[in-house]
Amino acid sequence: MLELHVKNETGRLKTVILGRADSNGPTPGPQEAYDPKSLEHINEGTYPLEQDMVTEMSAFEAILKKHQVEVLRPRLIPNLNQIFTRDIGFVIDDKFIKSNILPDRAEEWDAIDFVVQQIDPDRFIVPPEEVHIEGGDVILWNDYLFVGTYYGVDYADINTARTNRAGVEFLKELFPEKTIIDCDLIKSMSNPRENALHLDCCFQPIGTNKGIIFKGGFRNPSDYHTLLEIFGEDNLFHIDADGMYDMNSNVFSISPQIVVSEQRFYTLNNWLEEQGFTVEKVPYYEIGKQEGLLRCSTLPLIRE
């Protein structure tokens, strides 16, 4: 049995599921796009090529293994996008919660069946059907649980709204001992600079007391100010709409001292190094064209 253990976003990583890009399938048509950034690149003819994404994910895997992380990969399902494992499930403490993802992506879940079989059934949680929730919206920070959501009345009409009010309430019932802070995010089906697809697209903790944040990603300013109070303004690296578009907040922590970041994030990477972090820089630009980056393509199972 897997001894699941994840208490926060930065504890020393031991075991992780990393997505895969081989046999990713053909370039989708505009009507098949799940988000506005993918749609933009489909329409412009710049959607990422499979060979480039495989190269990028291999570079990420090499960094993880360099730091003695056990890397599991989903079982290959031909012609299926299996990059973003964070969407399909997530671990909180010693519980694995299965996400209720978009119906069109259900096959991705089948690809990690060999991992699920190693989880204690008492620690495996399947939310009821009315609960919408994806791992990118769930950020664990010790006694805090930050949850991205969308409270607009048009929730049902917006494909980029992934975690609903029922998802927030579900987590409150499942983890009554945690302080759960729901964050109402901006959503757009057409403008990627006005769309926080998940909470980790506009906020993520790093180290032991720092974070990356985009103020404009929150529909309710009080949500931003709550995070400001918890972390302190001097501990937060602020990004703008372009920084959110580039996925600056979607880095990935191997430990409190080691952060994996996209090699083109020059300003962010310099700031991280000034703060004392070791920054492992990898190419991930092509994958980022699908409005997901390093955190999105990982599903941590065990952290120290």
Protein backbone atom coordinates (compact mmCIF):
# COMPACT_ATOMS: atom_id res chain seq x y z
CA MET A 1 0.00 0.00 0.00
CA LEU A 2 1.10 3.53 -0.72
CA GLU A 3 1.62 5.51 2.48
CA LEU A 4 0.10 8.76 1.24
CA HIS A 5 1.43 11.87 2.95
CA VAL A 6 1.10 15.45 1.69
CA LYS A 7 0.81 18.27 4.21
CA ASN A 8 1.73 21.25 2.03
CA GLU A 9 3.02 22.30 -1.38
CA THR A 10 6.73 22.29 -0.58
CA GLY A 11 7.63 19.40 1.73
CA ARG A 12 10.47 17.23 0.44
CA LEU A 13 8.98 15.28 -2.47
CA LYS A 14 9.34 11.49 -2.38
CA THR A 15 6.80 10.11 -4.88
CA VAL A 16 4.89 11.84 -7.68
CA ILE A 17 2.81 10.99 -10.74
CA LEU A 18 4.11 12.93 -13.73
CA GLY A 19 1.91 13.13 -16.82
CA ARG A 20 3.01 12.08 -20.27
CA ALA A 21 2.86 13.63 -23.73
CA ASP A 22 3.66 10.73 -26.05
CA SER A 23 0.74 9.67 -28.23
CA ASN A 24 -0.94 12.92 -27.30
CA GLY A 25 -3.35 12.77 -30.21
CA PRO A 26 -3.89 15.20 -33.10
CA THR A 27 -4.16 18.94 -32.67
CA PRO A 28 -7.70 19.55 -31.42
CA GLY A 29 -10.17 21.65 -33.32
CA PRO A 30 -11.39 24.97 -31.90
CA GLN A 31 -14.60 23.36 -30.64
CA GLU A 32 -12.54 20.86 -28.65
CA ALA A 33 -10.50 23.43 -26.69
CA TYR A 34 -10.93 23.31 -22.91
CA ASP A 35 -9.53 26.79 -22.28
CA PRO A 36 -8.94 30.12 -24.09
CA LYS A 37 -5.14 29.81 -24.29
CA SER A 38 -5.32 26.48 -26.08
CA LEU A 39 -7.99 27.97 -28.35
CA GLU A 40 -5.71 30.90 -29.13
CA HIS A 41 -2.86 28.62 -30.22
CA ILE A 42 -5.18 26.33 -32.18
CA ASN A 43 -6.51 29.31 -34.11
CA GLU A 44 -3.03 30.76 -34.68
CA GLY A 45 -1.51 27.47 -35.80
CA THR A 46 0.98 27.46 -32.92
CA TYR A 47 -0.46 24.61 -30.87
CA PRO A 48 2.43 22.56 -29.40
CA LEU A 49 3.88 19.59 -31.24
CA GLU A 50 3.98 16.23 -29.49
CA GLN A 51 7.73 15.81 -29.96
CA ASP A 52 8.43 19.16 -28.29
CA MET A 53 6.19 18.37 -25.33
CA VAL A 54 7.81 14.95 -24.87
CA THR A 55 11.22 16.64 -24.78
CA GLU A 56 10.01 19.14 -22.18
CA MET A 57 8.47 16.50 -19.92
CA SER A 58 11.61 14.37 -20.19
CA ALA A 59 13.66 17.34 -18.98
CA PHE A 60 11.29 17.75 -16.01
CA GLU A 61 11.47 14.04 -15.21
CA ALA A 62 15.27 14.19 -15.25
CA ILE A 63 15.26 17.01 -12.68
CA LEU A 64 12.89 15.08 -10.41
CA LYS A 65 15.04 11.95 -10.59
CA LYS A 66 18.18 14.01 -10.01
CA HIS A 67 16.69 14.84 -6.62
CA GLN A 68 15.88 11.18 -5.86
CA VAL A 69 12.13 11.51 -6.45
CA GLU A 70 10.23 8.35 -7.39
CA VAL A 71 8.46 9.24 -10.64
CA LEU A 72 5.39 7.29 -11.73
CA ARG A 73 3.89 7.80 -15.18
CA PRO A 74 0.30 7.12 -16.29
CA ARG A 75 -0.31 4.03 -18.37
CA LEU A 76 -0.25 4.98 -22.05
CA ILE A 77 -3.64 5.41 -23.69
CA PRO A 78 -3.05 6.12 -27.41
CA ASN A 79 -4.16 9.45 -28.87
CA LEU A 80 -5.05 10.95 -25.48
CA ASN A 81 -3.74 14.10 -23.80
CA GLN A 82 -2.39 12.79 -20.48
CA ILE A 83 -0.18 15.71 -19.49
CA PHE A 84 -2.10 17.35 -16.66
CA THR A 85 -2.40 14.74 -13.91
CA ARG A 86 -3.11 17.41 -11.28
CA ASP A 87 -6.62 17.75 -12.70
CA ILE A 88 -7.65 14.15 -12.11
CA GLY A 89 -6.84 13.74 -8.43
CA PHE A 90 -4.97 15.11 -5.43
CA VAL A 91 -3.73 14.10 -1.98
CA ILE A 92 -4.53 15.94 1.24
CA ASP A 93 -2.78 14.55 4.32
CA ASP A 94 -3.27 10.78 3.89
CA LYS A 95 -6.35 10.88 1.66
CA PHE A 96 -6.52 10.61 -2.13
CA ILE A 97 -9.49 12.50 -3.57
CA LYS A 98 -10.66 11.62 -7.07
CA SER A 99 -11.54 14.74 -9.02
CA ASN A 100 -14.85 15.09 -10.78
CA ILE A 101 -13.36 16.31 -14.05
CA LEU A 102 -14.89 17.25 -17.39
CA PRO A 103 -16.65 14.18 -18.83
CA ASP A 104 -14.53 14.36 -21.99
CA ARG A 105 -11.43 13.69 -19.89
CA ALA A 106 -12.64 10.63 -17.98
CA GLU A 107 -10.24 8.31 -19.81
CA GLU A 108 -7.28 10.01 -18.16
CA TRP A 109 -8.36 8.51 -14.86
CA ASP A 110 -8.14 4.98 -16.23
CA ALA A 111 -4.44 5.51 -16.94
CA ILE A 112 -3.49 5.64 -13.24
CA ASP A 113 -5.47 2.55 -12.20
CA PHE A 114 -2.26 0.79 -11.13
CA VAL A 115 -1.62 3.59 -8.63
CA VAL A 116 -5.17 3.59 -7.29
CA GLN A 117 -4.90 -0.14 -6.62
CA GLN A 118 -2.08 0.60 -4.17
CA ILE A 119 -4.16 3.01 -2.09
CA ASP A 120 -5.95 1.91 1.07
CA PRO A 121 -9.68 1.93 0.15
CA ASP A 122 -10.40 3.75 3.42
CA ARG A 123 -8.13 6.58 2.23
CA PHE A 124 -9.62 6.79 -1.26
CA ILE A 125 -12.36 9.40 -1.55
CA VAL A 126 -14.83 9.70 -4.44
CA PRO A 127 -16.95 12.86 -4.21
CA PRO A 128 -20.65 12.73 -5.09
CA GLU A 129 -21.63 13.63 -8.63
CA GLU A 130 -22.78 17.17 -7.82
CA VAL A 131 -19.34 18.03 -6.43
CA HIS A 132 -17.11 19.56 -9.12
CA ILE A 133 -13.46 19.77 -8.10
CA GLU A 134 -10.03 19.63 -9.76
CA GLY A 135 -6.60 19.42 -8.19
CA GLY A 136 -5.37 22.70 -9.65
CA ASP A 137 -7.91 24.50 -7.49
CA VAL A 138 -6.79 22.83 -4.26
CA ILE A 139 -3.70 24.22 -2.55
CA LEU A 140 -2.67 22.63 0.75
CA TRP A 141 -0.69 24.71 3.20
CA ASN A 142 -0.41 22.91 6.53
CA ASP A 143 -3.57 23.87 8.47
CA TYR A 144 -4.87 25.96 5.59
CA LEU A 145 -6.64 24.69 2.51
CA PHE A 146 -7.00 27.27 -0.25
CA VAL A 147 -9.69 26.38 -2.79
CA GLY A 148 -10.24 28.11 -6.11
CA THR A 149 -13.85 28.30 -7.25
CA TYR A 150 -16.27 30.37 -9.28
CA TYR A 151 -19.46 31.78 -7.76
CA GLY A 152 -20.85 33.49 -10.86
CA VAL A 153 -24.46 32.72 -11.74
CA ASP A 154 -23.26 31.54 -15.15
CA TYR A 155 -21.08 28.75 -13.69
CA ALA A 156 -22.84 26.05 -15.70
CA ASP A 157 -22.17 27.89 -18.97
CA ILE A 158 -18.44 28.41 -18.46
CA ASN A 159 -16.16 25.54 -19.39
CA THR A 160 -13.26 27.09 -17.48
CA ALA A 161 -15.18 26.98 -14.18
CA ARG A 162 -13.90 23.72 -12.69
CA THR A 163 -14.65 23.75 -8.95
CA ASN A 164 -18.09 24.69 -7.68
CA ARG A 165 -19.58 25.73 -4.35
CA ALA A 166 -20.46 22.10 -3.64
CA GLY A 167 -16.77 21.26 -4.05
CA VAL A 168 -15.80 23.83 -1.42
CA GLU A 169 -18.44 22.56 1.01
CA PHE A 170 -17.34 18.96 0.39
CA LEU A 171 -13.79 19.77 1.45
CA LYS A 172 -15.04 21.62 4.53
CA GLU A 173 -16.93 18.52 5.63
CA LEU A 174 -14.04 16.18 4.80
CA PHE A 175 -11.43 18.28 6.61
CA PRO A 176 -13.22 20.10 9.46
CA GLU A 177 -9.95 20.65 11.31
CA LYS A 178 -8.51 22.80 8.52
CA THR A 179 -9.08 26.47 7.84
CA ILE A 180 -10.57 26.45 4.36
CA ILE A 181 -10.35 29.67 2.37
CA ASP A 182 -12.37 29.76 -0.84
CA CYS A 183 -11.13 32.06 -3.58
CA ASP A 184 -13.57 33.26 -6.24
CA LEU A 185 -11.58 33.39 -9.49
CA ILE A 186 -11.97 35.33 -12.73
CA LYS A 187 -13.09 33.19 -15.65
CA SER A 188 -13.21 33.71 -19.39
CA MET A 189 -13.85 31.41 -22.33
CA SER A 190 -12.18 33.80 -24.80
CA ASN A 191 -9.41 35.83 -23.11
CA PRO A 192 -6.57 33.85 -21.47
CA ARG A 193 -5.34 36.98 -19.68
CA GLU A 194 -8.72 37.21 -17.94
CA ASN A 195 -9.00 33.55 -17.06
CA ALA A 196 -7.59 31.92 -13.93
CA LEU A 197 -8.28 28.37 -15.02
CA HIS A 198 -7.33 27.07 -11.56
CA LEU A 199 -6.15 28.68 -8.35
CA ASP A 200 -2.57 27.61 -9.06
CA CYS A 201 -2.73 29.77 -12.20
CA CYS A 202 -2.77 32.91 -10.02
CA PHE A 203 -1.39 31.84 -6.63
CA GLN A 204 1.03 29.31 -5.18
CA PRO A 205 3.02 29.07 -1.93
CA ILE A 206 6.75 28.36 -2.10
CA GLY A 207 9.39 27.74 0.54
CA THR A 208 8.10 28.02 4.10
CA ASN A 209 6.44 31.45 4.04
CA LYS A 210 6.51 32.87 0.54
CA GLY A 211 4.33 32.76 -2.55
CA ILE A 212 3.60 33.92 -6.09
CA ILE A 213 0.34 35.78 -6.71
CA PHE A 214 -1.68 37.69 -9.30
CA LYS A 215 -4.01 40.16 -7.62
CA GLY A 216 -6.22 40.42 -10.70
CA GLY A 217 -6.97 36.71 -10.67
CA PHE A 218 -9.48 37.11 -7.83
CA ARG A 219 -13.02 38.29 -8.48
CA ASN A 220 -13.38 39.25 -4.83
CA PRO A 221 -10.56 41.57 -3.67
CA SER A 222 -11.03 40.36 -0.08
CA ASP A 223 -9.73 36.91 -1.13
CA TYR A 224 -6.49 38.50 -2.32
CA HIS A 225 -6.19 40.54 0.88
CA THR A 226 -6.72 37.42 3.00
CA LEU A 227 -3.75 35.76 1.31
CA LEU A 228 -1.79 38.98 1.73
CA GLU A 229 -2.46 38.90 5.47
CA ILE A 230 -1.44 35.25 5.80
CA PHE A 231 1.83 35.48 3.85
CA GLY A 232 2.77 39.14 4.16
CA GLU A 233 3.20 41.47 1.20
CA ASP A 234 7.01 41.35 1.32
CA ASN A 235 6.92 37.55 1.00
CA LEU A 236 4.83 37.54 -2.17
CA PHE A 237 6.11 37.88 -5.73
CA HIS A 238 3.40 39.76 -7.62
CA ILE A 239 2.78 38.98 -11.28
CA ASP A 240 0.57 40.78 -13.79
CA ALA A 241 -1.91 39.46 -16.37
CA ASP A 242 0.92 38.59 -18.75
CA GLY A 243 2.65 36.71 -15.94
CA MET A 244 -0.52 34.72 -15.34
CA TYR A 245 -0.80 34.07 -19.09
CA ASP A 246 2.75 32.72 -19.08
CA MET A 247 1.92 30.61 -15.98
CA ASN A 248 4.50 32.20 -13.65
CA SER A 249 2.72 30.93 -10.54
CA ASN A 250 2.63 27.35 -11.82
CA VAL A 251 6.13 26.38 -10.75
CA PHE A 252 6.69 23.19 -8.74
CA SER A 253 8.48 22.65 -5.44
CA ILE A 254 10.66 19.61 -4.82
CA SER A 255 11.45 20.84 -1.31
CA PRO A 256 11.25 24.10 0.68
CA GLN A 257 14.58 25.07 -0.89
CA ILE A 258 14.24 23.71 -4.44
CA VAL A 259 11.83 25.09 -7.05
CA VAL A 260 11.44 23.87 -10.63
CA SER A 261 10.63 26.79 -12.94
CA GLU A 262 10.32 27.51 -16.65
CA GLN A 263 13.65 28.69 -18.01
CA ARG A 264 12.13 31.83 -19.59
CA PHE A 265 10.75 33.18 -16.30
CA TYR A 266 13.79 35.44 -15.98
CA THR A 267 12.41 37.99 -13.50
CA LEU A 268 10.75 35.38 -11.30
CA ASN A 269 13.78 33.09 -11.36
CA ASN A 270 16.09 35.95 -10.37
CA TRP A 271 13.78 36.82 -7.47
CA LEU A 272 13.66 33.21 -6.34
CA GLU A 273 17.45 32.99 -6.34
CA GLU A 274 17.68 36.28 -4.43
CA GLN A 275 15.41 34.72 -1.81
CA GLY A 276 17.83 31.81 -1.44
CA PHE A 277 16.02 29.18 -3.50
CA THR A 278 17.78 26.71 -5.75
CA VAL A 279 15.98 27.12 -9.08
CA GLU A 280 15.99 24.17 -11.45
CA LYS A 281 15.21 25.69 -14.84
CA VAL A 282 13.51 23.55 -17.50
CA PRO A 283 11.96 24.23 -20.91
CA TYR A 284 8.18 24.06 -20.55
CA TYR A 285 7.03 26.80 -22.90
CA GLU A 286 5.28 24.54 -25.38
CA ILE A 287 3.29 22.74 -22.71
CA GLY A 288 2.36 26.13 -21.29
CA LYS A 289 0.42 26.86 -24.48
CA GLN A 290 -2.33 24.62 -23.08
CA GLU A 291 -2.82 26.88 -20.01
CA GLY A 292 -1.01 24.48 -17.68
CA LEU A 293 2.58 24.18 -16.53
CA LEU A 294 4.74 22.37 -14.00
CA ARG A 295 2.37 22.03 -11.05
CA CYS A 296 -0.45 21.08 -13.40
CA SER A 297 1.48 18.11 -14.77
CA THR A 298 2.28 16.59 -11.35
CA LEU A 299 0.28 14.70 -8.74
CA PRO A 300 2.34 14.38 -5.54
CA LEU A 301 1.62 11.28 -3.47
CA ILE A 302 4.26 11.45 -0.76
CA ARG A 303 6.11 14.40 0.71
CA GLU A 304 8.16 14.39 3.90
